[in-house]
PDB file of N, CA and C in Angstrom:
ATOM      1  N   UNK A   1     108.494  88.069  92.356  1.00  0.00           N
ATOM      2  CA  UNK A   1     108.697  89.393  91.826  1.00  0.00           C
ATOM      3  C   UNK A   1     107.830  90.434  92.518  1.00  0.00           C
ATOM      4  N   UNK A   2     106.652  90.039  92.928  1.00  0.00           N
ATOM      5  CA  UNK A   2     105.714  90.994  93.527  1.00  0.00           C
ATOM      6  C   UNK A   2     106.237  91.603  94.829  1.00  0.00           C
ATOM      7  N   UNK A   3     107.303  91.037  95.394  1.00  0.00           N
ATOM      8  CA  UNK A   3     107.861  91.564  96.637  1.00  0.00           C
ATOM      9  C   UNK A   3     108.919  92.652  96.394  1.00  0.00           C
ATOM     10  N   UNK A   4     109.263  92.889  95.141  1.00  0.00           N
ATOM     11  CA  UNK A   4     110.264  93.906  94.823  1.00  0.00           C
ATOM     12  C   UNK A   4     109.632  95.283  94.984  1.00  0.00           C
ATOM     13  N   UNK A   5     110.231  96.104  95.823  1.00  0.00           N
ATOM     14  CA  UNK A   5     109.709  97.460  96.047  1.00  0.00           C
ATOM     15  C   UNK A   5     110.666  98.539  95.544  1.00  0.00           C
ATOM     16  N   UNK A   6     111.900  98.177  95.303  1.00  0.00           N
ATOM     17  CA  UNK A   6     112.872  99.163  94.826  1.00  0.00           C
ATOM     18  C   UNK A   6     112.652  99.446  93.342  1.00  0.00           C
ATOM     19  N   UNK A   7     113.170 100.566  92.860  1.00  0.00           N
ATOM     20  CA  UNK A   7     113.056 100.855  91.432  1.00  0.00           C
ATOM     21  C   UNK A   7     113.671  99.730  90.607  1.00  0.00           C
ATOM     22  N   UNK A   8     113.053  99.427  89.496  1.00  0.00           N
ATOM     23  CA  UNK A   8     113.531  98.347  88.633  1.00  0.00           C
ATOM     24  C   UNK A   8     113.480  98.801  87.182  1.00  0.00           C
ATOM     25  N   UNK A   9     114.457  98.360  86.421  1.00  0.00           N
ATOM     26  CA  UNK A   9     114.541  98.683  85.006  1.00  0.00           C
ATOM     27  C   UNK A   9     114.817  97.408  84.239  1.00  0.00           C
ATOM     28  N   UNK A  10     113.994  97.133  83.248  1.00  0.00           N
ATOM     29  CA  UNK A  10     114.218  96.006  82.357  1.00  0.00           C
ATOM     30  C   UNK A  10     114.507  96.533  80.966  1.00  0.00           C
ATOM     31  N   UNK A  11     115.571  96.053  80.365  1.00  0.00           N
ATOM     32  CA  UNK A  11     115.935  96.460  79.005  1.00  0.00           C
ATOM     33  C   UNK A  11     115.941  95.214  78.140  1.00  0.00           C
ATOM     34  N   UNK A  12     115.173  95.268  77.074  1.00  0.00           N
ATOM     35  CA  UNK A  12     115.004  94.097  76.224  1.00  0.00           C
ATOM     36  C   UNK A  12     115.219  94.462  74.764  1.00  0.00           C
ATOM     37  N   UNK A  13     116.006  93.647  74.063  1.00  0.00           N
ATOM     38  CA  UNK A  13     116.234  93.839  72.642  1.00  0.00           C
ATOM     39  C   UNK A  13     115.319  92.939  71.826  1.00  0.00           C
ATOM     40  N   UNK A  14     114.668  93.501  70.839  1.00  0.00           N
ATOM     41  CA  UNK A  14     113.744  92.739  69.998  1.00  0.00           C
ATOM     42  C   UNK A  14     114.444  91.564  69.305  1.00  0.00           C
ATOM     43  N   UNK A  15     115.722  91.731  69.003  1.00  0.00           N
ATOM     44  CA  UNK A  15     116.459  90.706  68.262  1.00  0.00           C
ATOM     45  C   UNK A  15     117.240  89.759  69.177  1.00  0.00           C
ATOM     46  N   UNK A  16     116.949  89.772  70.464  1.00  0.00           N
ATOM     47  CA  UNK A  16     117.651  88.912  71.427  1.00  0.00           C
ATOM     48  C   UNK A  16     117.310  87.454  71.154  1.00  0.00           C
ATOM     49  N   UNK A  17     118.339  86.632  70.976  1.00  0.00           N
ATOM     50  CA  UNK A  17     118.124  85.197  70.756  1.00  0.00           C
ATOM     51  C   UNK A  17     118.519  84.380  71.994  1.00  0.00           C
ATOM     52  N   UNK A  18     118.893  85.072  73.076  1.00  0.00           N
ATOM     53  CA  UNK A  18     119.274  84.393  74.317  1.00  0.00           C
ATOM     54  C   UNK A  18     118.143  84.489  75.340  1.00  0.00           C
ATOM     55  N   UNK A  19     117.629  85.693  75.553  1.00  0.00           N
ATOM     56  CA  UNK A  19     116.489  85.914  76.444  1.00  0.00           C
ATOM     57  C   UNK A  19     115.331  86.385  75.573  1.00  0.00           C
ATOM     58  N   UNK A  20     114.238  85.650  75.620  1.00  0.00           N
ATOM     59  CA  UNK A  20     113.085  86.023  74.809  1.00  0.00           C
ATOM     60  C   UNK A  20     112.590  87.406  75.212  1.00  0.00           C
ATOM     61  N   UNK A  21     112.508  88.344  74.265  1.00  0.00           N
ATOM     62  CA  UNK A  21     112.044  89.692  74.597  1.00  0.00           C
ATOM     63  C   UNK A  21     110.664  89.728  75.243  1.00  0.00           C
ATOM     64  N   UNK A  22     109.882  88.680  75.080  1.00  0.00           N
ATOM     65  CA  UNK A  22     108.562  88.630  75.715  1.00  0.00           C
ATOM     66  C   UNK A  22     108.663  88.504  77.229  1.00  0.00           C
ATOM     67  N   UNK A  23     109.863  88.245  77.742  1.00  0.00           N
ATOM     68  CA  UNK A  23     110.054  88.191  79.190  1.00  0.00           C
ATOM     69  C   UNK A  23     109.753  89.532  79.841  1.00  0.00           C
ATOM     70  N   UNK A  24     109.735  90.594  79.051  1.00  0.00           N
ATOM     71  CA  UNK A  24     109.384  91.907  79.610  1.00  0.00           C
ATOM     72  C   UNK A  24     107.982  91.890  80.202  1.00  0.00           C
ATOM     73  N   UNK A  25     107.114  91.059  79.650  1.00  0.00           N
ATOM     74  CA  UNK A  25     105.752  90.972  80.169  1.00  0.00           C
ATOM     75  C   UNK A  25     105.734  90.356  81.565  1.00  0.00           C
ATOM     76  N   UNK A  26     106.655  89.452  81.832  1.00  0.00           N
ATOM     77  CA  UNK A  26     106.774  88.850  83.165  1.00  0.00           C
ATOM     78  C   UNK A  26     107.165  89.931  84.175  1.00  0.00           C
ATOM     79  N   UNK A  27     108.132  90.767  83.798  1.00  0.00           N
ATOM     80  CA  UNK A  27     108.543  91.860  84.685  1.00  0.00           C
ATOM     81  C   UNK A  27     107.411  92.862  84.868  1.00  0.00           C
ATOM     82  N   UNK A  28     106.740  93.221  83.792  1.00  0.00           N
ATOM     83  CA  UNK A  28     105.621  94.175  83.884  1.00  0.00           C
ATOM     84  C   UNK A  28     104.532  93.668  84.827  1.00  0.00           C
ATOM     85  N   UNK A  29     104.236  92.390  84.744  1.00  0.00           N
ATOM     86  CA  UNK A  29     103.184  91.819  85.591  1.00  0.00           C
ATOM     87  C   UNK A  29     103.651  91.675  87.039  1.00  0.00           C
ATOM     88  N   UNK A  30     104.874  91.207  87.236  1.00  0.00           N
ATOM     89  CA  UNK A  30     105.376  90.947  88.584  1.00  0.00           C
ATOM     90  C   UNK A  30     105.827  92.185  89.331  1.00  0.00           C
ATOM     91  N   UNK A  31     106.288  93.195  88.588  1.00  0.00           N
ATOM     92  CA  UNK A  31     106.778  94.437  89.195  1.00  0.00           C
ATOM     93  C   UNK A  31     106.121  95.596  88.434  1.00  0.00           C
ATOM     94  N   UNK A  32     104.862  95.891  88.751  1.00  0.00           N
ATOM     95  CA  UNK A  32     104.112  96.884  87.981  1.00  0.00           C
ATOM     96  C   UNK A  32     104.751  98.269  87.923  1.00  0.00           C
ATOM     97  N   UNK A  33     105.577  98.603  88.910  1.00  0.00           N
ATOM     98  CA  UNK A  33     106.225  99.920  88.904  1.00  0.00           C
ATOM     99  C   UNK A  33     107.527  99.918  88.093  1.00  0.00           C
ATOM    100  N   UNK A  34     107.916  98.784  87.553  1.00  0.00           N
ATOM    101  CA  UNK A  34     109.166  98.698  86.800  1.00  0.00           C
ATOM    102  C   UNK A  34     109.102  99.524  85.525  1.00  0.00           C
ATOM    103  N   UNK A  35     110.231 100.103  85.187  1.00  0.00           N
ATOM    104  CA  UNK A  35     110.354 100.797  83.907  1.00  0.00           C
ATOM    105  C   UNK A  35     110.864  99.772  82.894  1.00  0.00           C
ATOM    106  N   UNK A  36     110.225  99.701  81.765  1.00  0.00           N
ATOM    107  CA  UNK A  36     110.604  98.761  80.721  1.00  0.00           C
ATOM    108  C   UNK A  36     111.057  99.554  79.506  1.00  0.00           C
ATOM    109  N   UNK A  37     112.211  99.186  78.967  1.00  0.00           N
ATOM    110  CA  UNK A  37     112.680  99.811  77.737  1.00  0.00           C
ATOM    111  C   UNK A  37     112.905  98.709  76.714  1.00  0.00           C
ATOM    112  N   UNK A  38     112.296  98.880  75.574  1.00  0.00           N
ATOM    113  CA  UNK A  38     112.323  97.893  74.498  1.00  0.00           C
ATOM    114  C   UNK A  38     113.137  98.468  73.348  1.00  0.00           C
ATOM    115  N   UNK A  39     114.172  97.770  72.948  1.00  0.00           N
ATOM    116  CA  UNK A  39     115.086  98.212  71.903  1.00  0.00           C
ATOM    117  C   UNK A  39     114.765  97.491  70.600  1.00  0.00           C
ATOM    118  N   UNK A  40     114.179  98.200  69.662  1.00  0.00           N
ATOM    119  CA  UNK A  40     113.785  97.609  68.373  1.00  0.00           C
ATOM    120  C   UNK A  40     114.962  97.031  67.599  1.00  0.00           C
ATOM    121  N   UNK A  41     116.115  97.692  67.649  1.00  0.00           N
ATOM    122  CA  UNK A  41     117.254  97.300  66.816  1.00  0.00           C
ATOM    123  C   UNK A  41     118.379  96.642  67.588  1.00  0.00           C
ATOM    124  N   UNK A  42     118.075  96.084  68.759  1.00  0.00           N
ATOM    125  CA  UNK A  42     119.129  95.489  69.582  1.00  0.00           C
ATOM    126  C   UNK A  42     118.874  94.008  69.814  1.00  0.00           C
ATOM    127  N   UNK A  43     119.977  93.330  70.105  1.00  0.00           N
ATOM    128  CA  UNK A  43     119.906  91.932  70.493  1.00  0.00           C
ATOM    129  C   UNK A  43     120.086  91.808  71.993  1.00  0.00           C
ATOM    130  N   UNK A  44     120.904  90.845  72.403  1.00  0.00           N
ATOM    131  CA  UNK A  44     121.107  90.569  73.829  1.00  0.00           C
ATOM    132  C   UNK A  44     121.909  91.652  74.532  1.00  0.00           C
ATOM    133  N   UNK A  45     122.681  92.417  73.781  1.00  0.00           N
ATOM    134  CA  UNK A  45     123.522  93.447  74.378  1.00  0.00           C
ATOM    135  C   UNK A  45     123.132  94.827  73.855  1.00  0.00           C
ATOM    136  N   UNK A  46     122.035  95.393  74.372  1.00  0.00           N
ATOM    137  CA  UNK A  46     121.598  96.693  73.871  1.00  0.00           C
ATOM    138  C   UNK A  46     122.630  97.795  74.091  1.00  0.00           C
ATOM    139  N   UNK A  47     123.501  97.618  75.082  1.00  0.00           N
ATOM    140  CA  UNK A  47     124.533  98.628  75.327  1.00  0.00           C
ATOM    141  C   UNK A  47     125.552  98.685  74.189  1.00  0.00           C
ATOM    142  N   UNK A  48     125.663  97.603  73.432  1.00  0.00           N
ATOM    143  CA  UNK A  48     126.559  97.574  72.270  1.00  0.00           C
ATOM    144  C   UNK A  48     125.817  97.892  70.978  1.00  0.00           C
ATOM    145  N   UNK A  49     124.603  97.380  70.861  1.00  0.00           N
ATOM    146  CA  UNK A  49     123.832  97.556  69.631  1.00  0.00           C
ATOM    147  C   UNK A  49     123.218  98.950  69.510  1.00  0.00           C
ATOM    148  N   UNK A  50     122.822  99.524  70.621  1.00  0.00           N
ATOM    149  CA  UNK A  50     122.169 100.843  70.637  1.00  0.00           C
ATOM    150  C   UNK A  50     122.710 101.664  71.800  1.00  0.00           C
ATOM    151  N   UNK A  51     124.003 102.010  71.767  1.00  0.00           N
ATOM    152  CA  UNK A  51     124.617 102.648  72.944  1.00  0.00           C
ATOM    153  C   UNK A  51     123.981 103.979  73.338  1.00  0.00           C
ATOM    154  N   UNK A  52     123.591 104.796  72.381  1.00  0.00           N
ATOM    155  CA  UNK A  52     122.990 106.085  72.731  1.00  0.00           C
ATOM    156  C   UNK A  52     121.647 105.901  73.427  1.00  0.00           C
ATOM    157  N   UNK A  53     120.823 105.028  72.879  1.00  0.00           N
ATOM    158  CA  UNK A  53     119.513 104.733  73.472  1.00  0.00           C
ATOM    159  C   UNK A  53     119.707 104.132  74.862  1.00  0.00           C
ATOM    160  N   UNK A  54     120.650 103.207  74.976  1.00  0.00           N
ATOM    161  CA  UNK A  54     120.923 102.551  76.252  1.00  0.00           C
ATOM    162  C   UNK A  54     121.327 103.567  77.321  1.00  0.00           C
ATOM    163  N   UNK A  55     122.299 104.412  76.993  1.00  0.00           N
ATOM    164  CA  UNK A  55     122.774 105.392  77.971  1.00  0.00           C
ATOM    165  C   UNK A  55     121.687 106.391  78.344  1.00  0.00           C
ATOM    166  N   UNK A  56     120.909 106.812  77.386  1.00  0.00           N
ATOM    167  CA  UNK A  56     119.817 107.740  77.660  1.00  0.00           C
ATOM    168  C   UNK A  56     118.795 107.113  78.606  1.00  0.00           C
ATOM    169  N   UNK A  57     118.433 105.880  78.326  1.00  0.00           N
ATOM    170  CA  UNK A  57     117.459 105.174  79.155  1.00  0.00           C
ATOM    171  C   UNK A  57     117.981 104.966  80.573  1.00  0.00           C
ATOM    172  N   UNK A  58     119.230 104.533  80.678  1.00  0.00           N
ATOM    173  CA  UNK A  58     119.822 104.295  81.990  1.00  0.00           C
ATOM    174  C   UNK A  58     119.945 105.595  82.783  1.00  0.00           C
ATOM    175  N   UNK A  59     120.382 106.642  82.129  1.00  0.00           N
ATOM    176  CA  UNK A  59     120.514 107.930  82.800  1.00  0.00           C
ATOM    177  C   UNK A  59     119.163 108.430  83.310  1.00  0.00           C
ATOM    178  N   UNK A  60     118.140 108.314  82.494  1.00  0.00           N
ATOM    179  CA  UNK A  60     116.801 108.750  82.899  1.00  0.00           C
ATOM    180  C   UNK A  60     116.297 107.925  84.084  1.00  0.00           C
ATOM    181  N   UNK A  61     116.512 106.632  84.031  1.00  0.00           N
ATOM    182  CA  UNK A  61     116.092 105.755  85.122  1.00  0.00           C
ATOM    183  C   UNK A  61     116.794 106.136  86.424  1.00  0.00           C
ATOM    184  N   UNK A  62     118.108 106.348  86.350  1.00  0.00           N
ATOM    185  CA  UNK A  62     118.854 106.704  87.561  1.00  0.00           C
ATOM    186  C   UNK A  62     118.436 108.063  88.114  1.00  0.00           C
ATOM    187  N   UNK A  63     118.178 109.008  87.248  1.00  0.00           N
ATOM    188  CA  UNK A  63     117.711 110.321  87.706  1.00  0.00           C
ATOM    189  C   UNK A  63     116.362 110.193  88.404  1.00  0.00           C
ATOM    190  N   UNK A  64     115.443 109.452  87.799  1.00  0.00           N
ATOM    191  CA  UNK A  64     114.105 109.277  88.380  1.00  0.00           C
ATOM    192  C   UNK A  64     114.149 108.468  89.670  1.00  0.00           C
ATOM    193  N   UNK A  65     115.070 107.552  89.780  1.00  0.00           N
ATOM    194  CA  UNK A  65     115.175 106.696  90.962  1.00  0.00           C
ATOM    195  C   UNK A  65     115.796 107.433  92.141  1.00  0.00           C
ATOM    196  N   UNK A  66     116.542 108.485  91.861  1.00  0.00           N
ATOM    197  CA  UNK A  66     117.242 109.217  92.919  1.00  0.00           C
ATOM    198  C   UNK A  66     116.301 110.147  93.682  1.00  0.00           C
ATOM    199  N   UNK A  67     115.125 110.406  93.138  1.00  0.00           N
ATOM    200  CA  UNK A  67     114.200 111.331  93.788  1.00  0.00           C
ATOM    201  C   UNK A  67     113.262 110.616  94.724  1.00  0.00           C
TER     202      UNK A  67
END
C-alpha cells in the first residue's frame, strides 16, 4: 500500500458484515494521504444505505483529486 501515490478514497460502513470497518485503519496506515469516509448508518453498500452522504463524499473527493 505504501507505494500508492494517486489519490485514494476508502468508504466504510459501520454496519458492514462483509468487510470489517476496522480495515479503514489499514488504509490509513498504508496510504497516509488517503481520504477515509466512515458511514455510521451504512453496511457493505453505503451507496444504497446512505446515498446522499455517499454522493457528497464521492463528489468532494473527485473535485479535490482533479486539482
